Amino acid sequence: MKYVKPHKLKVLMLLFFGTGSMGIIMGLSTHSQVSFFITFMGVINICLGGFLGWTFFTQEPNVPDKRKE
């Protein structure tokens, strides 16, 4: 996977966790057919936030190659 700047990963991770938690709360607070899909999409956002967090913590630092200069 291509190297992604840590700041961008942090921002995306927080956005996914925030929208996912808001979606789960809004989906569970109402009782209709649509609430299941809102909750489901919130869970998907939480999973995407977890994947970006895993990428953030396991990504190796980008060290420039001195041989290319």
C-alpha atoms as a PDB file:
ATOM      1  CA  MET A   1       0.000   0.000   0.000  1.00  0.00           C
ATOM      2  CA  LYS A   2       1.208   3.494  -0.787  1.00  0.00           C
ATOM      3  CA  TYR A   3       2.606   5.611   2.056  1.00  0.00           C
ATOM      4  CA  VAL A   4       0.015   8.019   3.491  1.00  0.00           C
ATOM      5  CA  LYS A   5       0.978  10.982   5.649  1.00  0.00           C
ATOM      6  CA  PRO A   6       0.222  10.340   9.347  1.00  0.00           C
ATOM      7  CA  HIS A   7      -1.703  13.610   9.743  1.00  0.00           C
ATOM      8  CA  LYS A   8      -4.077  12.671   6.914  1.00  0.00           C
ATOM      9  CA  LEU A   9      -4.614   9.219   8.442  1.00  0.00           C
ATOM     10  CA  LYS A  10      -5.423  10.725  11.853  1.00  0.00           C
ATOM     11  CA  VAL A  11      -7.969  13.124  10.375  1.00  0.00           C
ATOM     12  CA  LEU A  12      -9.661  10.431   8.296  1.00  0.00           C
ATOM     13  CA  MET A  13      -9.680   8.026  11.245  1.00  0.00           C
ATOM     14  CA  LEU A  14     -11.351  10.581  13.514  1.00  0.00           C
ATOM     15  CA  LEU A  15     -13.902  11.469  10.824  1.00  0.00           C
ATOM     16  CA  PHE A  16     -14.861   7.827  10.290  1.00  0.00           C
ATOM     17  CA  PHE A  17     -15.120   7.137  14.024  1.00  0.00           C
ATOM     18  CA  GLY A  18     -17.161  10.325  14.565  1.00  0.00           C
ATOM     19  CA  THR A  19     -19.644   9.728  11.761  1.00  0.00           C
ATOM     20  CA  GLY A  20     -19.872   6.036  12.641  1.00  0.00           C
ATOM     21  CA  SER A  21     -20.707   6.672  16.272  1.00  0.00           C
ATOM     22  CA  MET A  22     -23.203   9.383  15.320  1.00  0.00           C
ATOM     23  CA  GLY A  23     -24.833   7.013  12.818  1.00  0.00           C
ATOM     24  CA  ILE A  24     -25.121   4.232  15.376  1.00  0.00           C
ATOM     25  CA  ILE A  25     -26.625   6.571  17.970  1.00  0.00           C
ATOM     26  CA  MET A  26     -29.103   8.061  15.488  1.00  0.00           C
ATOM     27  CA  GLY A  27     -29.997   4.639  14.089  1.00  0.00           C
ATOM     28  CA  LEU A  28     -30.655   3.118  17.492  1.00  0.00           C
ATOM     29  CA  SER A  29     -32.660   6.094  18.751  1.00  0.00           C
ATOM     30  CA  THR A  30     -35.381   5.761  16.091  1.00  0.00           C
ATOM     31  CA  HIS A  31     -37.603   2.780  15.370  1.00  0.00           C
ATOM     32  CA  SER A  32     -38.245   2.334  11.683  1.00  0.00           C
ATOM     33  CA  GLN A  33     -37.047   0.305   8.716  1.00  0.00           C
ATOM     34  CA  VAL A  34     -34.512   2.982   7.796  1.00  0.00           C
ATOM     35  CA  SER A  35     -32.896   2.929  11.258  1.00  0.00           C
ATOM     36  CA  PHE A  36     -31.384  -0.509  10.570  1.00  0.00           C
ATOM     37  CA  PHE A  37     -29.577   0.809   7.499  1.00  0.00           C
ATOM     38  CA  ILE A  38     -28.351   3.918   9.331  1.00  0.00           C
ATOM     39  CA  THR A  39     -26.971   1.715  12.118  1.00  0.00           C
ATOM     40  CA  PHE A  40     -25.408  -0.641   9.569  1.00  0.00           C
ATOM     41  CA  MET A  41     -23.688   2.236   7.764  1.00  0.00           C
ATOM     42  CA  GLY A  42     -22.430   3.495  11.140  1.00  0.00           C
ATOM     43  CA  VAL A  43     -20.870   0.103  11.829  1.00  0.00           C
ATOM     44  CA  ILE A  44     -19.201   0.181   8.402  1.00  0.00           C
ATOM     45  CA  ASN A  45     -17.759   3.628   9.205  1.00  0.00           C
ATOM     46  CA  ILE A  46     -16.411   2.323  12.532  1.00  0.00           C
ATOM     47  CA  CYS A  47     -14.749  -0.556  10.648  1.00  0.00           C
ATOM     48  CA  LEU A  48     -13.175   1.858   8.151  1.00  0.00           C
ATOM     49  CA  GLY A  49     -11.887   3.968  11.041  1.00  0.00           C
ATOM     50  CA  GLY A  50     -10.379   0.845  12.586  1.00  0.00           C
ATOM     51  CA  PHE A  51      -8.693  -0.070   9.313  1.00  0.00           C
ATOM     52  CA  LEU A  52      -7.189   3.413   9.017  1.00  0.00           C
ATOM     53  CA  GLY A  53      -6.047   3.209  12.645  1.00  0.00           C
ATOM     54  CA  TRP A  54      -4.371  -0.124  11.949  1.00  0.00           C
ATOM     55  CA  THR A  55      -2.703   1.407   8.888  1.00  0.00           C
ATOM     56  CA  PHE A  56      -1.570   4.376  10.971  1.00  0.00           C
ATOM     57  CA  PHE A  57       0.037   2.210  13.639  1.00  0.00           C
ATOM     58  CA  THR A  58       1.640  -0.389  11.346  1.00  0.00           C
ATOM     59  CA  GLN A  59       2.876   1.890   8.558  1.00  0.00           C
ATOM     60  CA  GLU A  60       6.642   2.158   8.293  1.00  0.00           C
ATOM     61  CA  PRO A  61       8.077   5.681   8.205  1.00  0.00           C
ATOM     62  CA  ASN A  62       8.893   7.151   4.811  1.00  0.00           C
ATOM     63  CA  VAL A  63      12.689   7.421   4.675  1.00  0.00           C
ATOM     64  CA  PRO A  64      14.085   9.022   1.527  1.00  0.00           C
ATOM     65  CA  ASP A  65      16.511   6.826  -0.381  1.00  0.00           C
ATOM     66  CA  LYS A  66      19.923   8.504  -0.467  1.00  0.00           C
ATOM     67  CA  ARG A  67      20.997   6.459  -3.490  1.00  0.00           C
ATOM     68  CA  LYS A  68      18.511   8.290  -5.725  1.00  0.00           C
ATOM     69  CA  GLU A  69      20.096  11.701  -5.134  1.00  0.00           C
END
